[in-house]
Structures are given as structure tokens and as C-alpha cells.
Amino acid sequence: MAQTTIQDSVIGVVAMNNDTKDSLKSYLNQRIIVKTRGIDSLIFINESIVLFINGIPINSSIATPSIKNRQNLIFNIGDTAVANEIWSLFYVPNKSERKFTISAGINDGDPLPASKDNFTIIFYSKNWLYGAYLTIVLLLIAFIILIRKSNIIKEPNTSIDPPFSLARTQFAFWTFIIVK
């Protein structure tokens, strides 16, 4: 295991291809850049450099040094295995985003020193969630209007007011539930 020196440290974390206004935030489907200082000794040893979140190594996230600056390490947290590991370790119900201390280091070693809570990971967008809820409510209202204005879930016969069909009602109910 390589020893890191005092000068080895994380000096910043930014999101690549950022859809948010803040480069210090990233969704789980993006790549992040961990900007480091003095890690040449870590880069040239044969062990892989992994992402550390709150001091916990994310074993499925292996660093790729940037072509422009080898001190910048690129981590793809959008990779399915990485996103699943981050989600299972750090997701808290009803919190769409959380602040973390992001660092890098050798898998069996200690992470490089980094400032506390230096990056925010967004687990899901609240706007998409509210949009999905609104869509479900609008579909339910449209379906109720359709039931009242037509005979869509009634028995197919020629009477003026046919009785409701249990099979058609169940079919409509389960179709709505599955589509939702």
C-alpha cells in the first residue's frame, strides 16, 4: 500500500455535463471530476484509485485520469453498478439530495484529505416526481370522466342503461394501476 504525503489532497469536486446550475451538484447519472493535488505516486502504482464517499470506498467506481490534467480523476457515478452501490449505501427516504465528503484513494487505504461536505449528489429530481404525480391525477380524472360519459365499463348490450361489467371494471382498474 502506498503512503500518501501531506500535500496529497482533494482540492475540489465538480460535475461533468452538468444539467444543474451548480457545478457542485450531480445527479447519479453523470460523471464527476475529483480535482487533486500531489497524487502522482498514486497514479503510477498498479492499484486502482477508487471513489470515497464519506470515507467509504465505492469499489465499483474506478478513476480514469483526465487527459488534460492527470491530477484530475474522472469517476462515472452514472454507471449502473456504481449508482446502485451509492443508492444502497447513502439514500435516505424523502431526501432527494444530500451533501457528501467526496475523496479518492486506494481501495484498501485511506482516502485523500478533503474538505467536509464538498459535494451534493441528487438522487432524484423533485420536478419529475411532481410531474409524475400530476400526470397520474390527470389520467385518473380523465378516466372518471370517460366512465361517466360512456359505457366503457358496462355490459355490451342494447339496453339504455346497461349494468356495470365486473370483468371490464377489473380490466380498467388493473390497466390503470399497471400503467401508473
N, C-alpha and C. Protein backbone atom coordinates (compact mmCIF):
# COMPACT_ATOMS: atom_id res chain seq x y z
N MET A 1 0.85 -1.17 0.00
CA MET A 1 0.00 0.00 0.00
C MET A 1 0.90 1.24 0.00
N ALA A 2 0.59 2.20 -0.88
CA ALA A 2 1.39 3.41 -0.99
C ALA A 2 1.01 4.40 0.11
N GLN A 3 1.99 5.08 0.60
CA GLN A 3 1.75 6.11 1.61
C GLN A 3 1.50 7.44 0.91
N THR A 4 0.49 8.16 1.35
CA THR A 4 0.23 9.49 0.80
C THR A 4 0.95 10.50 1.66
N THR A 5 1.40 11.56 1.03
CA THR A 5 2.09 12.61 1.77
C THR A 5 1.09 13.69 2.17
N ILE A 6 1.57 14.63 2.98
CA ILE A 6 0.70 15.70 3.47
C ILE A 6 0.15 16.53 2.32
N GLN A 7 0.95 16.72 1.26
CA GLN A 7 0.49 17.55 0.16
C GLN A 7 -0.58 16.86 -0.69
N ASP A 8 -0.67 15.55 -0.62
CA ASP A 8 -1.70 14.84 -1.37
C ASP A 8 -3.06 15.18 -0.79
N SER A 9 -3.94 15.73 -1.62
CA SER A 9 -5.27 16.08 -1.11
C SER A 9 -6.24 16.31 -2.26
N VAL A 10 -7.51 16.33 -1.90
CA VAL A 10 -8.56 16.68 -2.85
C VAL A 10 -8.80 18.17 -2.69
N ILE A 11 -8.71 18.90 -3.81
CA ILE A 11 -8.91 20.35 -3.73
C ILE A 11 -10.26 20.79 -4.27
N GLY A 12 -11.01 19.86 -4.85
CA GLY A 12 -12.35 20.21 -5.34
C GLY A 12 -13.01 19.06 -6.07
N VAL A 13 -14.32 19.17 -6.18
CA VAL A 13 -15.11 18.18 -6.92
C VAL A 13 -16.12 18.96 -7.76
N VAL A 14 -16.20 18.62 -9.05
CA VAL A 14 -17.17 19.27 -9.94
C VAL A 14 -17.87 18.22 -10.78
N ALA A 15 -19.05 18.57 -11.27
CA ALA A 15 -19.82 17.67 -12.12
C ALA A 15 -19.49 17.93 -13.58
N MET A 16 -19.40 16.86 -14.36
CA MET A 16 -19.25 16.97 -15.81
C MET A 16 -20.63 16.91 -16.44
N ASN A 17 -20.80 17.56 -17.60
CA ASN A 17 -22.09 17.53 -18.30
C ASN A 17 -23.22 17.90 -17.36
N ASN A 18 -23.05 18.98 -16.65
CA ASN A 18 -23.94 19.31 -15.56
C ASN A 18 -25.25 19.92 -16.06
N ASP A 19 -26.39 19.31 -15.68
CA ASP A 19 -27.71 19.84 -16.00
C ASP A 19 -28.17 20.83 -14.94
N THR A 20 -27.52 20.83 -13.80
CA THR A 20 -27.90 21.75 -12.74
C THR A 20 -27.11 23.04 -12.91
N LYS A 21 -27.58 24.09 -12.29
CA LYS A 21 -26.89 25.38 -12.36
C LYS A 21 -25.61 25.38 -11.53
N ASP A 22 -25.55 24.52 -10.55
CA ASP A 22 -24.43 24.46 -9.61
C ASP A 22 -23.51 23.31 -9.99
N SER A 23 -22.23 23.62 -10.23
CA SER A 23 -21.29 22.56 -10.61
C SER A 23 -20.87 21.71 -9.41
N LEU A 24 -21.31 22.07 -8.21
CA LEU A 24 -21.00 21.29 -7.02
C LEU A 24 -22.12 20.30 -6.70
N LYS A 25 -22.98 20.05 -7.70
CA LYS A 25 -24.06 19.08 -7.56
C LYS A 25 -24.04 18.16 -8.77
N SER A 26 -24.46 16.91 -8.56
CA SER A 26 -24.52 15.97 -9.66
C SER A 26 -25.64 14.98 -9.43
N TYR A 27 -26.31 14.61 -10.53
CA TYR A 27 -27.26 13.51 -10.48
C TYR A 27 -26.48 12.21 -10.51
N LEU A 28 -27.15 11.12 -10.17
CA LEU A 28 -26.50 9.82 -10.18
C LEU A 28 -26.20 9.30 -11.59
N ASN A 29 -26.64 10.00 -12.61
CA ASN A 29 -26.39 9.52 -13.97
C ASN A 29 -25.26 10.29 -14.66
N GLN A 30 -24.42 10.96 -13.91
CA GLN A 30 -23.38 11.79 -14.50
C GLN A 30 -21.99 11.33 -14.08
N ARG A 31 -21.00 12.01 -14.64
CA ARG A 31 -19.62 11.80 -14.25
C ARG A 31 -19.17 13.00 -13.42
N ILE A 32 -18.26 12.74 -12.49
CA ILE A 32 -17.72 13.82 -11.67
C ILE A 32 -16.21 13.84 -11.81
N ILE A 33 -15.64 15.01 -11.58
CA ILE A 33 -14.18 15.18 -11.60
C ILE A 33 -13.74 15.49 -10.19
N VAL A 34 -12.85 14.68 -9.67
CA VAL A 34 -12.24 14.94 -8.36
C VAL A 34 -10.89 15.58 -8.65
N LYS A 35 -10.77 16.85 -8.32
CA LYS A 35 -9.53 17.60 -8.56
C LYS A 35 -8.60 17.37 -7.37
N THR A 36 -7.41 16.88 -7.66
CA THR A 36 -6.47 16.54 -6.60
C THR A 36 -5.17 17.30 -6.75
N ARG A 37 -4.34 17.15 -5.72
CA ARG A 37 -3.02 17.77 -5.74
C ARG A 37 -2.03 16.74 -5.21
N GLY A 38 -0.95 16.55 -5.95
CA GLY A 38 0.16 15.71 -5.46
C GLY A 38 -0.12 14.24 -5.42
N ILE A 39 -0.85 13.69 -6.36
CA ILE A 39 -1.16 12.27 -6.31
C ILE A 39 -0.39 11.46 -7.35
N ASP A 40 0.68 11.99 -7.87
CA ASP A 40 1.44 11.27 -8.90
C ASP A 40 1.85 9.88 -8.43
N SER A 41 2.20 9.75 -7.16
CA SER A 41 2.61 8.44 -6.66
C SER A 41 1.46 7.44 -6.68
N LEU A 42 0.24 7.91 -6.45
CA LEU A 42 -0.92 7.03 -6.50
C LEU A 42 -1.24 6.61 -7.94
N ILE A 43 -1.10 7.53 -8.87
CA ILE A 43 -1.45 7.25 -10.26
C ILE A 43 -0.52 6.20 -10.86
N PHE A 44 0.74 6.23 -10.49
CA PHE A 44 1.70 5.35 -11.14
C PHE A 44 1.85 3.98 -10.49
N ILE A 45 1.20 3.73 -9.38
CA ILE A 45 1.25 2.38 -8.84
C ILE A 45 0.18 1.53 -9.54
N ASN A 46 0.26 0.25 -9.43
CA ASN A 46 -0.62 -0.63 -10.19
C ASN A 46 -2.01 -0.78 -9.62
N GLU A 47 -2.27 -0.30 -8.42
CA GLU A 47 -3.60 -0.45 -7.84
C GLU A 47 -4.54 0.61 -8.40
N SER A 48 -5.81 0.29 -8.40
CA SER A 48 -6.82 1.21 -8.91
C SER A 48 -7.18 2.25 -7.86
N ILE A 49 -7.44 3.44 -8.32
CA ILE A 49 -7.89 4.52 -7.45
C ILE A 49 -9.42 4.50 -7.48
N VAL A 50 -10.03 4.43 -6.31
CA VAL A 50 -11.49 4.36 -6.23
C VAL A 50 -12.04 5.62 -5.58
N LEU A 51 -13.33 5.81 -5.78
CA LEU A 51 -14.06 6.93 -5.19
C LEU A 51 -14.37 6.63 -3.73
N PHE A 52 -14.20 7.62 -2.88
CA PHE A 52 -14.60 7.51 -1.47
C PHE A 52 -15.70 8.52 -1.22
N ILE A 53 -16.78 8.06 -0.60
CA ILE A 53 -17.87 8.95 -0.21
C ILE A 53 -18.02 8.82 1.30
N ASN A 54 -17.85 9.93 1.98
CA ASN A 54 -17.89 9.95 3.46
C ASN A 54 -16.95 8.91 4.05
N GLY A 55 -15.80 8.73 3.42
CA GLY A 55 -14.79 7.81 3.93
C GLY A 55 -15.02 6.35 3.58
N ILE A 56 -16.08 6.04 2.86
CA ILE A 56 -16.40 4.66 2.48
C ILE A 56 -16.00 4.45 1.02
N PRO A 57 -15.17 3.44 0.73
CA PRO A 57 -14.79 3.21 -0.67
C PRO A 57 -15.95 2.67 -1.49
N ILE A 58 -16.12 3.22 -2.68
CA ILE A 58 -17.12 2.72 -3.64
C ILE A 58 -16.33 1.85 -4.61
N ASN A 59 -16.26 0.57 -4.31
CA ASN A 59 -15.38 -0.35 -5.03
C ASN A 59 -15.67 -0.46 -6.52
N SER A 60 -16.90 -0.21 -6.92
CA SER A 60 -17.26 -0.34 -8.33
C SER A 60 -16.90 0.90 -9.15
N SER A 61 -16.42 1.95 -8.51
CA SER A 61 -16.07 3.19 -9.21
C SER A 61 -14.55 3.36 -9.28
N ILE A 62 -14.00 3.10 -10.45
CA ILE A 62 -12.56 3.19 -10.68
C ILE A 62 -12.26 4.51 -11.40
N ALA A 63 -11.23 5.21 -10.96
CA ALA A 63 -10.87 6.50 -11.54
C ALA A 63 -10.23 6.35 -12.90
N THR A 64 -10.49 7.34 -13.75
CA THR A 64 -9.81 7.50 -15.02
C THR A 64 -9.14 8.87 -14.96
N PRO A 65 -7.79 8.92 -15.02
CA PRO A 65 -7.15 10.23 -15.00
C PRO A 65 -7.53 11.04 -16.23
N SER A 66 -7.74 12.33 -16.05
CA SER A 66 -8.09 13.22 -17.16
C SER A 66 -6.92 13.33 -18.12
N ILE A 67 -7.21 13.44 -19.40
CA ILE A 67 -6.15 13.58 -20.40
C ILE A 67 -5.49 14.95 -20.28
N LYS A 68 -6.29 15.98 -19.97
CA LYS A 68 -5.76 17.35 -19.88
C LYS A 68 -4.91 17.55 -18.64
N ASN A 69 -5.33 16.98 -17.52
CA ASN A 69 -4.61 17.17 -16.27
C ASN A 69 -4.69 15.86 -15.49
N ARG A 70 -3.58 15.16 -15.36
CA ARG A 70 -3.57 13.85 -14.71
C ARG A 70 -3.90 13.92 -13.23
N GLN A 71 -3.89 15.10 -12.65
CA GLN A 71 -4.27 15.26 -11.25
C GLN A 71 -5.79 15.22 -11.08
N ASN A 72 -6.53 15.41 -12.17
CA ASN A 72 -7.99 15.35 -12.12
C ASN A 72 -8.44 13.92 -12.41
N LEU A 73 -9.20 13.35 -11.50
CA LEU A 73 -9.68 11.99 -11.64
C LEU A 73 -11.16 12.00 -12.01
N ILE A 74 -11.51 11.27 -13.05
CA ILE A 74 -12.89 11.22 -13.51
C ILE A 74 -13.53 9.93 -13.01
N PHE A 75 -14.68 10.08 -12.36
CA PHE A 75 -15.45 8.93 -11.87
C PHE A 75 -16.82 8.96 -12.52
N ASN A 76 -17.23 7.83 -13.06
CA ASN A 76 -18.55 7.72 -13.68
C ASN A 76 -19.53 7.17 -12.65
N ILE A 77 -20.22 8.08 -11.96
CA ILE A 77 -21.21 7.61 -10.98
C ILE A 77 -22.52 7.27 -11.65
N GLY A 78 -22.59 7.45 -12.98
CA GLY A 78 -23.76 7.06 -13.74
C GLY A 78 -23.75 5.60 -14.14
N ASP A 79 -22.62 4.94 -13.97
CA ASP A 79 -22.54 3.51 -14.25
C ASP A 79 -23.52 2.78 -13.33
N THR A 80 -24.23 1.81 -13.85
CA THR A 80 -25.29 1.14 -13.09
C THR A 80 -24.79 0.55 -11.77
N ALA A 81 -23.65 -0.13 -11.79
CA ALA A 81 -23.14 -0.75 -10.57
C ALA A 81 -22.78 0.31 -9.53
N VAL A 82 -22.18 1.41 -9.98
CA VAL A 82 -21.79 2.49 -9.06
C VAL A 82 -23.03 3.16 -8.49
N ALA A 83 -23.99 3.50 -9.36
CA ALA A 83 -25.21 4.16 -8.89
C ALA A 83 -25.97 3.28 -7.90
N ASN A 84 -26.03 1.98 -8.18
CA ASN A 84 -26.71 1.06 -7.25
C ASN A 84 -26.00 1.01 -5.90
N GLU A 85 -24.67 0.99 -5.93
CA GLU A 85 -23.92 0.95 -4.67
C GLU A 85 -24.11 2.23 -3.87
N ILE A 86 -24.05 3.37 -4.55
CA ILE A 86 -24.25 4.66 -3.87
C ILE A 86 -25.67 4.74 -3.32
N TRP A 87 -26.64 4.33 -4.13
CA TRP A 87 -28.05 4.37 -3.70
C TRP A 87 -28.25 3.51 -2.46
N SER A 88 -27.73 2.28 -2.49
CA SER A 88 -27.96 1.37 -1.37
C SER A 88 -27.24 1.82 -0.09
N LEU A 89 -26.10 2.48 -0.23
CA LEU A 89 -25.36 2.92 0.95
C LEU A 89 -25.85 4.25 1.52
N PHE A 90 -26.28 5.18 0.65
CA PHE A 90 -26.47 6.55 1.11
C PHE A 90 -27.86 7.14 0.91
N TYR A 91 -28.75 6.45 0.22
CA TYR A 91 -30.07 7.03 0.00
C TYR A 91 -30.86 7.04 1.30
N VAL A 92 -31.50 8.16 1.58
CA VAL A 92 -32.37 8.32 2.74
C VAL A 92 -33.76 8.66 2.19
N PRO A 93 -34.79 7.89 2.56
CA PRO A 93 -36.13 8.18 2.05
C PRO A 93 -36.55 9.63 2.30
N ASN A 94 -37.23 10.18 1.32
CA ASN A 94 -37.77 11.55 1.36
C ASN A 94 -36.70 12.64 1.30
N LYS A 95 -35.47 12.29 0.95
CA LYS A 95 -34.43 13.30 0.74
C LYS A 95 -33.94 13.14 -0.69
N SER A 96 -34.24 14.11 -1.54
CA SER A 96 -33.87 13.98 -2.95
C SER A 96 -32.39 14.25 -3.18
N GLU A 97 -31.75 14.99 -2.27
CA GLU A 97 -30.32 15.25 -2.43
C GLU A 97 -29.64 15.32 -1.07
N ARG A 98 -28.34 14.99 -1.07
CA ARG A 98 -27.57 15.01 0.18
C ARG A 98 -26.16 15.50 -0.08
N LYS A 99 -25.58 16.14 0.93
CA LYS A 99 -24.18 16.58 0.86
C LYS A 99 -23.26 15.47 1.35
N PHE A 100 -22.14 15.32 0.64
CA PHE A 100 -21.18 14.28 0.98
C PHE A 100 -19.76 14.83 0.94
N THR A 101 -18.87 14.13 1.63
CA THR A 101 -17.45 14.40 1.51
C THR A 101 -16.91 13.42 0.48
N ILE A 102 -16.49 13.97 -0.66
CA ILE A 102 -16.00 13.15 -1.78
C ILE A 102 -14.48 13.19 -1.78
N SER A 103 -13.89 12.01 -1.93
CA SER A 103 -12.43 11.90 -2.00
C SER A 103 -12.07 10.73 -2.90
N ALA A 104 -10.79 10.44 -2.98
CA ALA A 104 -10.29 9.32 -3.78
C ALA A 104 -9.14 8.68 -3.02
N GLY A 105 -8.84 7.46 -3.40
CA GLY A 105 -7.72 6.77 -2.76
C GLY A 105 -7.65 5.32 -3.21
N ILE A 106 -6.68 4.61 -2.67
CA ILE A 106 -6.52 3.20 -2.95
C ILE A 106 -7.59 2.43 -2.17
N ASN A 107 -8.13 1.40 -2.77
CA ASN A 107 -9.25 0.65 -2.19
C ASN A 107 -9.01 0.22 -0.74
N ASP A 108 -7.85 -0.34 -0.45
CA ASP A 108 -7.58 -0.81 0.91
C ASP A 108 -6.95 0.25 1.80
N GLY A 109 -6.74 1.45 1.26
CA GLY A 109 -6.07 2.50 2.03
C GLY A 109 -7.04 3.55 2.52
N ASP A 110 -6.48 4.64 2.98
CA ASP A 110 -7.27 5.76 3.46
C ASP A 110 -7.55 6.72 2.32
N PRO A 111 -8.66 7.43 2.38
CA PRO A 111 -8.93 8.42 1.33
C PRO A 111 -8.03 9.63 1.49
N LEU A 112 -7.83 10.36 0.39
CA LEU A 112 -7.08 11.61 0.45
C LEU A 112 -7.87 12.62 1.30
N PRO A 113 -7.17 13.50 2.00
CA PRO A 113 -7.89 14.52 2.78
C PRO A 113 -8.74 15.40 1.86
N ALA A 114 -9.93 15.70 2.30
CA ALA A 114 -10.85 16.56 1.54
C ALA A 114 -11.66 17.39 2.50
N SER A 115 -12.15 18.53 1.99
CA SER A 115 -12.98 19.37 2.86
C SER A 115 -14.32 18.68 3.10
N LYS A 116 -14.88 18.89 4.29
CA LYS A 116 -16.12 18.23 4.69
C LYS A 116 -17.29 18.73 3.85
N ASP A 117 -18.17 17.80 3.46
CA ASP A 117 -19.37 18.12 2.68
C ASP A 117 -19.04 18.99 1.47
N ASN A 118 -18.15 18.49 0.63
CA ASN A 118 -17.69 19.28 -0.51
C ASN A 118 -18.49 19.06 -1.79
N PHE A 119 -19.53 18.19 -1.76
CA PHE A 119 -20.28 17.89 -2.99
C PHE A 119 -21.67 17.39 -2.63
N THR A 120 -22.63 17.66 -3.51
CA THR A 120 -24.01 17.23 -3.31
C THR A 120 -24.39 16.25 -4.42
N ILE A 121 -24.96 15.12 -4.03
CA ILE A 121 -25.47 14.15 -5.00
C ILE A 121 -26.99 14.22 -4.96
N ILE A 122 -27.58 14.37 -6.16
CA ILE A 122 -29.03 14.45 -6.29
C ILE A 122 -29.52 13.05 -6.69
N PHE A 123 -30.32 12.44 -5.84
CA PHE A 123 -30.80 11.08 -6.08
C PHE A 123 -31.96 11.06 -7.08
N TYR A 124 -32.83 12.05 -7.01
CA TYR A 124 -33.93 12.16 -7.97
C TYR A 124 -34.37 13.61 -8.01
N SER A 125 -34.97 13.98 -9.14
CA SER A 125 -35.44 15.35 -9.31
C SER A 125 -36.87 15.47 -8.79
N LYS A 126 -37.08 16.42 -7.91
CA LYS A 126 -38.42 16.63 -7.36
C LYS A 126 -39.39 17.07 -8.45
N ASN A 127 -38.91 17.82 -9.44
CA ASN A 127 -39.79 18.28 -10.52
C ASN A 127 -40.36 17.09 -11.30
N TRP A 128 -39.52 16.10 -11.59
CA TRP A 128 -40.01 14.91 -12.29
C TRP A 128 -41.01 14.15 -11.42
N LEU A 129 -40.74 14.08 -10.15
CA LEU A 129 -41.65 13.38 -9.24
C LEU A 129 -43.00 14.07 -9.19
N TYR A 130 -43.02 15.40 -9.05
CA TYR A 130 -44.27 16.14 -9.02
C TYR A 130 -44.98 16.04 -10.36
N GLY A 131 -44.24 16.05 -11.45
CA GLY A 131 -44.83 15.89 -12.78
C GLY A 131 -45.50 14.53 -12.94
N ALA A 132 -44.86 13.49 -12.41
CA ALA A 132 -45.45 12.14 -12.48
C ALA A 132 -46.73 12.08 -11.65
N TYR A 133 -46.73 12.68 -10.46
CA TYR A 133 -47.94 12.70 -9.63
C TYR A 133 -49.07 13.44 -10.36
N LEU A 134 -48.76 14.59 -10.96
CA LEU A 134 -49.76 15.37 -11.67
C LEU A 134 -50.32 14.58 -12.86
N THR A 135 -49.46 13.88 -13.58
CA THR A 135 -49.91 13.07 -14.72
C THR A 135 -50.87 11.98 -14.26
N ILE A 136 -50.55 11.32 -13.17
CA ILE A 136 -51.42 10.26 -12.65
C ILE A 136 -52.79 10.81 -12.26
N VAL A 137 -52.80 11.95 -11.60
CA VAL A 137 -54.06 12.57 -11.18
C VAL A 137 -54.89 12.97 -12.41
N LEU A 138 -54.24 13.56 -13.42
CA LEU A 138 -54.96 13.96 -14.63
C LEU A 138 -55.51 12.76 -15.39
N LEU A 139 -54.74 11.67 -15.45
CA LEU A 139 -55.23 10.45 -16.10
C LEU A 139 -56.43 9.87 -15.34
N LEU A 140 -56.36 9.90 -14.02
CA LEU A 140 -57.48 9.40 -13.22
C LEU A 140 -58.73 10.24 -13.44
N ILE A 141 -58.59 11.55 -13.48
CA ILE A 141 -59.74 12.44 -13.73
C ILE A 141 -60.32 12.18 -15.12
N ALA A 142 -59.44 12.05 -16.12
CA ALA A 142 -59.90 11.78 -17.49
C ALA A 142 -60.63 10.44 -17.55
N PHE A 143 -60.12 9.45 -16.84
CA PHE A 143 -60.75 8.13 -16.84
C PHE A 143 -62.12 8.18 -16.18
N ILE A 144 -62.24 8.91 -15.09
CA ILE A 144 -63.53 9.04 -14.41
C ILE A 144 -64.54 9.75 -15.31
N ILE A 145 -64.10 10.78 -16.02
CA ILE A 145 -64.99 11.48 -16.97
C ILE A 145 -65.42 10.53 -18.08
N LEU A 146 -64.50 9.73 -18.58
CA LEU A 146 -64.80 8.76 -19.63
C LEU A 146 -65.82 7.72 -19.14
N ILE A 147 -65.70 7.29 -17.91
CA ILE A 147 -66.65 6.33 -17.34
C ILE A 147 -68.05 6.94 -17.26
N ARG A 148 -68.14 8.20 -16.87
CA ARG A 148 -69.44 8.84 -16.70
C ARG A 148 -70.11 9.16 -18.04
N LYS A 149 -69.31 9.48 -19.05
CA LYS A 149 -69.87 9.92 -20.35
C LYS A 149 -70.09 8.76 -21.32
N SER A 150 -69.54 7.59 -21.04
CA SER A 150 -69.68 6.48 -21.98
C SER A 150 -70.02 5.20 -21.23
N ASN A 151 -70.20 4.15 -21.99
CA ASN A 151 -70.49 2.84 -21.42
C ASN A 151 -69.25 1.94 -21.47
N ILE A 152 -68.09 2.54 -21.28
CA ILE A 152 -66.84 1.80 -21.47
C ILE A 152 -66.67 0.61 -20.52
N ILE A 153 -67.20 0.69 -19.31
CA ILE A 153 -67.06 -0.45 -18.39
C ILE A 153 -68.40 -1.11 -18.07
N LYS A 154 -69.38 -0.92 -18.98
CA LYS A 154 -70.69 -1.55 -18.79
C LYS A 154 -70.84 -2.72 -19.75
N GLU A 155 -71.81 -3.57 -19.44
CA GLU A 155 -72.09 -4.74 -20.28
C GLU A 155 -72.44 -4.29 -21.70
N PRO A 156 -71.89 -4.99 -22.69
CA PRO A 156 -72.21 -4.60 -24.08
C PRO A 156 -73.56 -5.18 -24.52
N ASN A 157 -74.64 -4.46 -24.23
CA ASN A 157 -75.95 -4.87 -24.72
C ASN A 157 -76.68 -3.63 -25.20
N THR A 158 -77.87 -3.82 -25.69
CA THR A 158 -78.58 -2.71 -26.34
C THR A 158 -79.50 -1.93 -25.42
N SER A 159 -79.52 -2.24 -24.14
CA SER A 159 -80.42 -1.52 -23.24
C SER A 159 -79.93 -0.09 -23.05
N ILE A 160 -80.81 0.77 -22.59
CA ILE A 160 -80.48 2.19 -22.42
C ILE A 160 -79.45 2.40 -21.31
N ASP A 161 -79.63 1.74 -20.19
CA ASP A 161 -78.68 1.86 -19.08
C ASP A 161 -78.20 0.47 -18.67
N PRO A 162 -77.19 -0.07 -19.40
CA PRO A 162 -76.73 -1.43 -19.08
C PRO A 162 -76.02 -1.48 -17.73
N PRO A 163 -75.99 -2.65 -17.10
CA PRO A 163 -75.30 -2.78 -15.81
C PRO A 163 -73.77 -2.77 -16.00
N PHE A 164 -73.07 -2.47 -14.92
CA PHE A 164 -71.61 -2.48 -14.98
C PHE A 164 -71.10 -3.91 -15.13
N SER A 165 -70.04 -4.05 -15.87
CA SER A 165 -69.41 -5.35 -16.08
C SER A 165 -68.25 -5.49 -15.10
N LEU A 166 -68.27 -6.56 -14.29
CA LEU A 166 -67.18 -6.79 -13.35
C LEU A 166 -65.86 -7.01 -14.09
N ALA A 167 -65.90 -7.76 -15.16
CA ALA A 167 -64.68 -8.04 -15.93
C ALA A 167 -64.10 -6.76 -16.52
N ARG A 168 -64.92 -5.94 -17.11
CA ARG A 168 -64.44 -4.68 -17.70
C ARG A 168 -63.95 -3.70 -16.63
N THR A 169 -64.64 -3.68 -15.50
CA THR A 169 -64.22 -2.81 -14.40
C THR A 169 -62.85 -3.24 -13.86
N GLN A 170 -62.68 -4.54 -13.66
CA GLN A 170 -61.38 -5.04 -13.19
C GLN A 170 -60.29 -4.79 -14.22
N PHE A 171 -60.63 -5.01 -15.49
CA PHE A 171 -59.66 -4.77 -16.55
C PHE A 171 -59.22 -3.31 -16.56
N ALA A 172 -60.16 -2.39 -16.45
CA ALA A 172 -59.84 -0.96 -16.43
C ALA A 172 -59.00 -0.60 -15.19
N PHE A 173 -59.40 -1.13 -14.04
CA PHE A 173 -58.68 -0.85 -12.79
C PHE A 173 -57.22 -1.32 -12.88
N TRP A 174 -57.02 -2.58 -13.26
CA TRP A 174 -55.66 -3.11 -13.29
C TRP A 174 -54.83 -2.49 -14.40
N THR A 175 -55.45 -2.14 -15.50
CA THR A 175 -54.71 -1.44 -16.56
C THR A 175 -54.21 -0.10 -16.05
N PHE A 176 -55.08 0.62 -15.36
CA PHE A 176 -54.68 1.92 -14.81
C PHE A 176 -53.56 1.76 -13.78
N ILE A 177 -53.66 0.78 -12.92
CA ILE A 177 -52.64 0.54 -11.89
C ILE A 177 -51.30 0.21 -12.54
N ILE A 178 -51.30 -0.66 -13.54
CA ILE A 178 -50.06 -1.08 -14.19
C ILE A 178 -49.44 0.08 -14.98
N VAL A 179 -50.24 0.84 -15.69
CA VAL A 179 -49.73 1.98 -16.46
C VAL A 179 -49.19 3.05 -15.55
N LYS A 180 -49.80 3.18 -14.40
CA LYS A 180 -49.36 4.20 -13.44
C LYS A 180 -47.94 3.90 -13.04
